[in-house]
N, C-alpha and C. Protein backbone atom coordinates (compact mmCIF):
# COMPACT_ATOMS: atom_id res chain seq x y z
N MET A 1 8.29 20.88 24.12
CA MET A 1 9.05 20.49 22.92
C MET A 1 8.73 21.56 21.84
N ILE A 2 9.76 22.16 21.34
CA ILE A 2 9.57 23.15 20.28
C ILE A 2 9.98 22.59 18.98
N GLU A 3 9.04 22.28 18.10
CA GLU A 3 9.39 21.66 16.81
C GLU A 3 9.50 22.70 15.70
N ASN A 4 9.04 23.97 15.99
CA ASN A 4 9.14 25.00 14.99
C ASN A 4 10.55 25.37 14.62
N ASN A 5 11.52 25.07 15.49
CA ASN A 5 12.92 25.48 15.21
C ASN A 5 13.72 24.38 14.49
N ILE A 6 13.05 23.34 14.14
CA ILE A 6 13.77 22.23 13.48
C ILE A 6 13.65 22.46 11.95
N GLU A 7 14.86 22.53 11.36
CA GLU A 7 14.93 22.70 9.96
C GLU A 7 15.07 21.25 9.31
N ILE A 8 14.30 21.01 8.29
CA ILE A 8 14.40 19.74 7.60
C ILE A 8 14.78 20.04 6.16
N GLU A 9 15.85 19.35 5.74
CA GLU A 9 16.32 19.53 4.39
C GLU A 9 16.33 18.18 3.68
N TYR A 10 15.73 18.14 2.52
CA TYR A 10 15.73 16.88 1.72
C TYR A 10 16.82 16.97 0.66
N ARG A 11 17.72 16.04 0.62
CA ARG A 11 18.74 15.94 -0.35
C ARG A 11 18.64 14.70 -1.15
N PRO A 12 17.91 14.63 -2.27
CA PRO A 12 17.78 13.40 -3.01
C PRO A 12 19.10 12.99 -3.61
N ILE A 13 19.21 11.63 -3.78
CA ILE A 13 20.37 11.12 -4.41
C ILE A 13 20.36 11.48 -5.92
N LYS A 14 21.51 12.00 -6.36
CA LYS A 14 21.65 12.48 -7.71
C LYS A 14 22.45 11.52 -8.61
N LYS A 15 23.27 10.72 -7.88
CA LYS A 15 24.23 9.85 -8.58
C LYS A 15 24.46 8.60 -7.75
N ILE A 16 24.55 7.47 -8.44
CA ILE A 16 24.86 6.19 -7.71
C ILE A 16 26.16 5.62 -8.23
N VAL A 17 27.03 5.29 -7.38
CA VAL A 17 28.31 4.70 -7.78
C VAL A 17 28.35 3.28 -7.23
N ILE A 18 28.49 2.29 -8.14
CA ILE A 18 28.58 0.87 -7.76
C ILE A 18 30.02 0.42 -7.94
N LEU A 19 30.67 0.00 -6.89
CA LEU A 19 32.06 -0.36 -6.95
C LEU A 19 32.30 -1.78 -7.44
N ASN A 20 31.27 -2.61 -7.25
CA ASN A 20 31.42 -4.09 -7.72
C ASN A 20 30.10 -4.56 -8.10
N LEU A 21 29.99 -5.10 -9.27
CA LEU A 21 28.73 -5.68 -9.80
C LEU A 21 28.94 -7.11 -10.20
N VAL A 22 28.10 -7.99 -9.59
CA VAL A 22 28.18 -9.45 -9.86
C VAL A 22 26.87 -9.98 -10.22
N GLU A 23 26.82 -10.68 -11.33
CA GLU A 23 25.61 -11.41 -11.79
C GLU A 23 25.78 -12.89 -11.42
N LEU A 24 24.68 -13.42 -10.75
CA LEU A 24 24.62 -14.86 -10.40
C LEU A 24 23.32 -15.38 -10.87
N ASP A 25 23.24 -16.74 -11.03
CA ASP A 25 21.89 -17.28 -11.23
C ASP A 25 21.13 -17.17 -9.94
N LYS A 26 19.79 -17.23 -10.02
CA LYS A 26 18.93 -17.05 -8.90
C LYS A 26 19.29 -17.88 -7.71
N GLU A 27 19.50 -19.19 -7.98
CA GLU A 27 19.75 -20.11 -6.87
C GLU A 27 21.00 -19.75 -6.14
N GLU A 28 22.03 -19.37 -6.87
CA GLU A 28 23.31 -18.94 -6.27
C GLU A 28 23.15 -17.71 -5.45
N LEU A 29 22.41 -16.71 -6.00
CA LEU A 29 22.12 -15.53 -5.28
C LEU A 29 21.41 -15.80 -3.91
N PHE A 30 20.40 -16.65 -4.00
CA PHE A 30 19.63 -17.05 -2.80
C PHE A 30 20.53 -17.68 -1.81
N LYS A 31 21.38 -18.58 -2.22
CA LYS A 31 22.33 -19.30 -1.37
C LYS A 31 23.25 -18.29 -0.68
N ARG A 32 23.74 -17.33 -1.40
CA ARG A 32 24.69 -16.36 -0.91
C ARG A 32 23.95 -15.50 0.10
N ALA A 33 22.73 -15.13 -0.15
CA ALA A 33 21.97 -14.33 0.82
C ALA A 33 21.76 -15.07 2.08
N SER A 34 21.45 -16.42 1.97
CA SER A 34 21.25 -17.24 3.17
C SER A 34 22.54 -17.36 3.93
N ALA A 35 23.67 -17.44 3.29
CA ALA A 35 24.97 -17.55 3.99
C ALA A 35 25.26 -16.25 4.71
N ILE A 36 24.98 -15.13 4.07
CA ILE A 36 25.21 -13.82 4.72
C ILE A 36 24.36 -13.76 6.01
N ARG A 37 23.09 -14.15 5.89
CA ARG A 37 22.11 -14.11 7.02
C ARG A 37 22.67 -14.96 8.18
N MET A 38 23.27 -16.08 7.89
CA MET A 38 23.76 -17.02 8.96
C MET A 38 25.01 -16.56 9.65
N VAL A 39 25.89 -15.89 8.93
CA VAL A 39 27.18 -15.54 9.51
C VAL A 39 27.36 -14.11 9.89
N GLU A 40 26.63 -13.20 9.24
CA GLU A 40 26.83 -11.84 9.55
C GLU A 40 25.64 -11.10 10.19
N GLN A 41 24.63 -10.97 9.37
CA GLN A 41 23.49 -10.15 9.86
C GLN A 41 22.24 -10.45 9.07
N PRO A 42 21.09 -10.11 9.65
CA PRO A 42 19.89 -10.28 8.80
C PRO A 42 20.01 -9.50 7.56
N ILE A 43 19.54 -10.11 6.52
CA ILE A 43 19.58 -9.47 5.16
C ILE A 43 18.30 -9.81 4.39
N PHE A 44 17.92 -8.96 3.57
CA PHE A 44 16.84 -9.33 2.65
C PHE A 44 17.23 -8.97 1.25
N LEU A 45 16.45 -9.50 0.32
CA LEU A 45 16.77 -9.19 -1.08
C LEU A 45 15.83 -8.07 -1.57
N ASN A 46 16.29 -7.29 -2.49
CA ASN A 46 15.50 -6.21 -3.12
C ASN A 46 15.05 -6.74 -4.48
N TRP A 47 13.86 -6.27 -4.86
CA TRP A 47 13.39 -6.57 -6.25
C TRP A 47 12.82 -5.33 -6.84
N ALA A 48 13.22 -5.05 -8.15
CA ALA A 48 12.61 -3.99 -8.87
C ALA A 48 12.84 -4.29 -10.37
N GLU A 49 11.95 -3.95 -11.22
CA GLU A 49 12.13 -4.05 -12.74
C GLU A 49 12.64 -5.36 -13.20
N GLY A 50 12.22 -6.42 -12.59
CA GLY A 50 12.62 -7.80 -13.03
C GLY A 50 14.00 -8.19 -12.54
N ILE A 51 14.59 -7.44 -11.62
CA ILE A 51 15.92 -7.78 -11.03
C ILE A 51 15.77 -7.98 -9.57
N VAL A 52 16.38 -9.09 -8.97
CA VAL A 52 16.46 -9.34 -7.61
C VAL A 52 17.92 -9.13 -7.27
N PHE A 53 18.20 -8.36 -6.16
CA PHE A 53 19.56 -8.04 -5.86
C PHE A 53 19.83 -7.72 -4.36
N ILE A 54 21.11 -7.88 -4.01
CA ILE A 54 21.60 -7.43 -2.73
C ILE A 54 22.44 -6.23 -3.03
N ALA A 55 22.16 -5.11 -2.34
CA ALA A 55 22.95 -3.87 -2.55
C ALA A 55 23.56 -3.53 -1.20
N ILE A 56 24.89 -3.57 -1.16
CA ILE A 56 25.63 -3.37 0.12
C ILE A 56 26.19 -1.94 0.05
N PRO A 57 25.72 -1.08 0.89
CA PRO A 57 26.25 0.32 0.90
C PRO A 57 27.73 0.38 1.27
N ALA A 58 28.46 1.25 0.64
CA ALA A 58 29.87 1.43 1.02
C ALA A 58 30.05 2.10 2.31
N SER A 59 31.12 1.86 2.94
CA SER A 59 31.43 2.45 4.29
C SER A 59 31.71 3.90 4.18
N LEU A 60 31.19 4.62 5.11
CA LEU A 60 31.48 6.06 5.14
C LEU A 60 32.92 6.33 5.56
N GLU A 61 33.64 5.31 5.92
CA GLU A 61 35.05 5.48 6.33
C GLU A 61 35.96 5.63 5.09
N ILE A 62 35.43 5.28 3.88
CA ILE A 62 36.18 5.48 2.64
C ILE A 62 36.14 7.02 2.38
N THR A 63 37.25 7.63 2.26
CA THR A 63 37.31 9.11 2.06
C THR A 63 36.43 9.54 0.96
N GLU A 64 36.50 8.99 -0.20
CA GLU A 64 35.73 9.44 -1.38
C GLU A 64 34.27 9.40 -1.08
N VAL A 65 33.80 8.39 -0.38
CA VAL A 65 32.42 8.22 -0.01
C VAL A 65 32.04 9.33 0.89
N ASP A 66 32.77 9.51 1.96
CA ASP A 66 32.50 10.50 3.01
C ASP A 66 32.48 11.89 2.39
N ASP A 67 33.41 12.19 1.49
CA ASP A 67 33.53 13.53 0.88
C ASP A 67 32.29 13.82 -0.01
N ASN A 68 31.75 12.82 -0.71
CA ASN A 68 30.69 12.99 -1.68
C ASN A 68 29.27 12.76 -1.25
N VAL A 69 29.03 12.17 -0.11
CA VAL A 69 27.72 11.83 0.32
C VAL A 69 26.78 13.06 0.42
N MET A 70 27.40 14.18 0.83
CA MET A 70 26.60 15.40 1.06
C MET A 70 26.23 16.02 -0.36
N LYS A 71 26.92 15.56 -1.40
CA LYS A 71 26.66 16.08 -2.72
C LYS A 71 25.60 15.26 -3.45
N GLY A 72 24.97 14.33 -2.75
CA GLY A 72 23.92 13.51 -3.29
C GLY A 72 24.42 12.30 -4.06
N ILE A 73 25.61 11.85 -3.72
CA ILE A 73 26.19 10.73 -4.38
C ILE A 73 26.15 9.47 -3.40
N ALA A 74 25.49 8.45 -3.82
CA ALA A 74 25.39 7.21 -3.00
C ALA A 74 26.33 6.18 -3.57
N TYR A 75 27.11 5.60 -2.66
CA TYR A 75 28.07 4.51 -3.06
C TYR A 75 27.57 3.16 -2.52
N PHE A 76 27.73 2.21 -3.36
CA PHE A 76 27.42 0.80 -2.99
C PHE A 76 28.70 0.04 -3.19
N GLU A 77 29.15 -0.64 -2.12
CA GLU A 77 30.36 -1.54 -2.18
C GLU A 77 30.13 -2.58 -3.21
N GLY A 78 28.91 -3.08 -3.25
CA GLY A 78 28.68 -4.13 -4.22
C GLY A 78 27.15 -4.34 -4.42
N VAL A 79 26.82 -4.70 -5.66
CA VAL A 79 25.50 -5.13 -6.01
C VAL A 79 25.58 -6.46 -6.67
N THR A 80 24.94 -7.46 -6.05
CA THR A 80 24.92 -8.78 -6.62
C THR A 80 23.51 -9.07 -7.02
N TYR A 81 23.31 -9.55 -8.23
CA TYR A 81 21.95 -9.58 -8.73
C TYR A 81 21.72 -10.80 -9.62
N SER A 82 20.44 -11.05 -9.89
CA SER A 82 19.98 -12.08 -10.82
C SER A 82 18.69 -11.57 -11.51
N ILE A 83 18.36 -12.17 -12.58
CA ILE A 83 17.16 -11.86 -13.34
C ILE A 83 16.04 -12.61 -12.65
N MET A 84 14.97 -11.94 -12.26
CA MET A 84 13.73 -12.55 -11.76
C MET A 84 12.52 -11.74 -12.19
N PRO A 85 12.09 -12.15 -13.39
CA PRO A 85 10.98 -11.30 -14.00
C PRO A 85 9.75 -11.05 -13.14
N LYS A 86 9.36 -12.03 -12.35
CA LYS A 86 8.13 -11.87 -11.55
C LYS A 86 8.49 -11.81 -10.05
N TYR A 87 7.91 -10.85 -9.39
CA TYR A 87 8.12 -10.64 -7.96
C TYR A 87 7.52 -11.80 -7.17
N GLN A 88 8.28 -12.19 -6.12
CA GLN A 88 7.75 -13.05 -5.12
C GLN A 88 8.19 -12.58 -3.70
N PRO A 89 7.36 -12.63 -2.74
CA PRO A 89 7.72 -12.00 -1.41
C PRO A 89 8.79 -12.72 -0.60
N GLU A 90 9.18 -13.94 -0.90
CA GLU A 90 10.19 -14.62 -0.19
C GLU A 90 10.70 -15.79 -1.02
N THR A 91 11.81 -16.36 -0.60
CA THR A 91 12.35 -17.54 -1.19
C THR A 91 12.86 -18.47 -0.06
N GLN A 92 12.82 -19.72 -0.33
CA GLN A 92 13.30 -20.70 0.70
C GLN A 92 14.60 -21.26 0.28
N VAL A 93 15.64 -21.23 1.17
CA VAL A 93 16.89 -21.88 0.97
C VAL A 93 17.06 -22.79 2.22
N ALA A 94 16.97 -24.06 2.03
CA ALA A 94 16.98 -25.06 3.06
C ALA A 94 15.91 -24.69 4.13
N ALA A 95 16.35 -24.42 5.35
CA ALA A 95 15.38 -24.02 6.39
C ALA A 95 15.18 -22.58 6.55
N ASP A 96 15.90 -21.79 5.67
CA ASP A 96 15.96 -20.34 5.76
C ASP A 96 14.99 -19.70 4.83
N LYS A 97 14.04 -18.88 5.32
CA LYS A 97 13.15 -18.11 4.42
C LYS A 97 13.78 -16.74 4.35
N ILE A 98 14.03 -16.29 3.07
CA ILE A 98 14.63 -15.02 2.91
C ILE A 98 13.61 -14.08 2.28
N PRO A 99 13.34 -12.97 2.95
CA PRO A 99 12.38 -12.00 2.46
C PRO A 99 12.88 -11.28 1.17
N ILE A 100 11.95 -11.02 0.28
CA ILE A 100 12.29 -10.30 -0.94
C ILE A 100 11.37 -9.05 -0.92
N VAL A 101 11.94 -7.90 -0.87
CA VAL A 101 11.10 -6.62 -0.72
C VAL A 101 10.97 -6.05 -2.15
N ASP A 102 9.71 -5.78 -2.50
CA ASP A 102 9.44 -5.01 -3.74
C ASP A 102 9.80 -3.55 -3.53
N GLN A 103 10.87 -3.17 -4.18
CA GLN A 103 11.34 -1.76 -4.03
C GLN A 103 11.00 -0.96 -5.23
N SER A 104 10.00 -1.36 -6.02
CA SER A 104 9.65 -0.70 -7.24
C SER A 104 9.24 0.77 -7.07
N ARG A 105 8.74 1.10 -5.87
CA ARG A 105 8.28 2.48 -5.64
C ARG A 105 9.43 3.43 -5.26
N PHE A 106 10.63 2.95 -5.07
CA PHE A 106 11.73 3.76 -4.60
C PHE A 106 12.72 4.03 -5.73
N PRO A 107 12.91 5.32 -6.06
CA PRO A 107 13.78 5.73 -7.24
C PRO A 107 15.15 5.09 -7.18
N VAL A 108 15.83 5.04 -6.11
CA VAL A 108 17.19 4.53 -6.09
C VAL A 108 17.24 3.08 -6.52
N PHE A 109 16.36 2.21 -6.00
CA PHE A 109 16.41 0.80 -6.30
C PHE A 109 15.93 0.57 -7.72
N ARG A 110 14.93 1.37 -8.19
CA ARG A 110 14.44 1.34 -9.56
C ARG A 110 15.59 1.70 -10.50
N ALA A 111 16.34 2.75 -10.13
CA ALA A 111 17.41 3.21 -10.98
C ALA A 111 18.49 2.12 -11.10
N ILE A 112 18.81 1.51 -10.02
CA ILE A 112 19.81 0.40 -10.08
C ILE A 112 19.30 -0.71 -10.94
N ALA A 113 18.06 -1.15 -10.78
CA ALA A 113 17.55 -2.24 -11.62
C ALA A 113 17.49 -1.87 -13.11
N ASN A 114 17.05 -0.66 -13.38
CA ASN A 114 17.02 -0.21 -14.78
C ASN A 114 18.40 -0.13 -15.42
N TRP A 115 19.39 0.30 -14.63
CA TRP A 115 20.76 0.35 -15.15
C TRP A 115 21.27 -1.02 -15.44
N ILE A 116 21.00 -2.00 -14.54
CA ILE A 116 21.37 -3.39 -14.73
C ILE A 116 20.72 -3.88 -16.02
N ASN A 117 19.42 -3.68 -16.18
CA ASN A 117 18.70 -4.10 -17.32
C ASN A 117 19.31 -3.53 -18.67
N LYS A 118 19.70 -2.31 -18.69
CA LYS A 118 20.30 -1.69 -19.83
C LYS A 118 21.64 -2.39 -20.11
N ARG A 119 22.47 -2.65 -19.09
CA ARG A 119 23.75 -3.29 -19.25
C ARG A 119 23.62 -4.66 -19.84
N LYS A 120 22.65 -5.40 -19.41
CA LYS A 120 22.53 -6.80 -19.94
C LYS A 120 22.01 -6.85 -21.32
N ASN A 121 21.49 -5.74 -21.78
CA ASN A 121 20.94 -5.72 -23.19
C ASN A 121 21.95 -5.08 -24.13
N LEU A 122 23.13 -4.77 -23.72
CA LEU A 122 24.17 -4.19 -24.59
C LEU A 122 24.81 -5.29 -25.50
């Protein structure tokens, strides 16, 4: 195996485009996450900067998304969020335990949460 010929290029995200933003109270957000987990796929909630949220990436099949992804632009089909000042590792909805991942160390999730915080203070 020759690894010396592998080129690695890092392209950090320079811009985030959110196509749909929805604020819910925490209980409604948790119920929605539980419903998604039951009918579609496993999902977890993200937490950063006092915001708990679901961030759904946009499909690469959308021409604008596909054309811009190599330019460092990330697209999210939707971000649904609630205010949650204190982090907790999971939440319980009926029999469903939904993990909440502390994304505070990751610039993209921190940027989304900070942007939401600024919008709610306008």
